[in-house]
Amino acid sequence: MKRLEPTVKITALLLAMSLAGCAPIMPDLHPQPRRDIATAELSAGIKLAREGWPEAQWWTGYHDEQLNALIRQALASGPSLAVAAAHIGSARSALSSRAADLGVDVSAYAGANRQRYSGTGLFPAPIGGAYFTEETLRLDLRYNFDWWGKNRAQVAAAVGELNAGRAEYADSEQLLAASIAQSYFRLQGAWARLANADDMAAAQTALVQDKAKRIARGLANADEQRAAEAELSLIRKQQAMLTSDIAHEREALRALAGADSTALADLKPVALTPTPHALPAHLGMELLARRPDLQAARWKLEASLSRIDAAKAAFYPDVNLTGSIGLDTVKVENLLQAASRTVYLGPTLTLPLFDSKRLDAQLDGARTGRNERIAEYNRAIVEAVRDVAQGGAQLQGIEQQIAQQTAATGSARAQLASAQARLDHGLADNGSVLNARLALLRQRDADVYLQQVQLLAEVALTNALGGGYREQAPLATASK
């Protein structure tokens, strides 16, 4: 015990000095207000037929195995997810580095060196002028008391960044699934509209031929044929545009799914089937748990708050305890003898007495970073509510348009039936039937286009509602 008394006295002295060695912490003059997401609500006028949140793997609700396969492949090996995964790896490495500062740091050392001491130096003979080989075996220990919580705050910040990375990965998955679904529906819509345009081109070609026959009989003039030919050119222009759109969307899908040049060769046209969509009656805190981007913004904010705690803790003295135990000898045969043992124990104290400018700058930087994260968080909340509101309002408007379009298509179908009946009774010519058929095909093109727009709006609203995401169990400690 007597051997430890000097160390105990020194430790007590260091503790006393630490109480007086704190640098003054500057006040926080410009804190950024944080938006309360619990107040986030939709306008009362935005309502859909059903209520609720998207389900996980929402895309399976369209009952399209081609779409399911594309999204499965993209989620398994899509190149866009590699970046998000790399961010998680970096955050995990940073957490491991910070966690290593907690607790006891233990290291072992073994060494040997041979040295000749000067014969005219500090040590006289027989040491001076002789060679000696020194062997050392030592166990070093270091412990940081972290009384002010600086290391724990840095670990908490690293945990926040890792949780943010996990949420960003989930957000990347949802965005990827939504992008594939929208590109796939645009492809299917272009296929359907191209098939309809082919029928229109056939009907318009027949009409041009009918005009030529009527001109030959003196029943029509050349201007009518030129007008019909001009309309045919517009239809063929639409065919070329849709063919280009198909090639464009196929390449977009290939890039999103990370597929090779032949992976999408078996894709086939299928009928577009919009599904009744749901909108939750209330948003509030549920939107925070459902949107991975909001979760990422929240965790980044939590990390910034922990960095402020760490910056504040730096204003207080830092106390470390270091020690070692081992064996040291100049004769290898004596290495394991008790007389060769060495013991060292010593506290160290770092006082921030003349470092206030650097500490102030660090704290100011941490507070500025917090304000940035709060601003980003507030903006993310506003944009999230806006996305949901716009998506719901757009779907409402599309449903109303579809109702009117359905009525227009029904009228065009009735006109075609009437024209065909008059032709059968000799009360109309073939040109009237062809014009009525073209009118119906134009309405069908509008039908398909609105179905495509509805599907795209459904996917956009699904993504705005979080795509079936649920808040993951966060990492709470460095050991997880």
Foldseek 3Di string as FASTA:
>chain_A
DVVCVVQVVVVVVLVVVLVVQFDDADDDDDFADFDALQPQWFDPVQFFPAADAAAAVNVCVQVDVVLVVLLVLLVVDAPLLVVLVVQLVVLLVQLVVLCCLADKDKDKDWDKDKDAAACPDDDHPPRHRDIFMKIKTKMKMKHWPCPLCLSVLLSLLSLLSNLLSVLVSLLSSLVLSLQLLLLVLLLLLLVVLLVLLVVLLVLLVVLLVVQVVCVVVVNHDVVVSVVSVVVSVVSVVSNVVSVVSNVVSVVVSCNSSVHDPCPCVPDDHDDQDDDRFHHHNTCRVVLCQQASNLSSLVSNLSSLVSQLSSLSSVSGKIKMKMKMKIFMDRDPVCRPPPVRIDIDIHMDIDRCNPVVVVSNVSNVVSSVSSSVSSVVSNVVSVVLSVLLNVLSVVLVVLVVVLVVLVVQLVVLVVQLVVQVVCVVVVNDDVSSNSVSVSSNSVSVSVNSVSSSVNSSSSSSNSSSSNVNGGHDDRDDGSVD
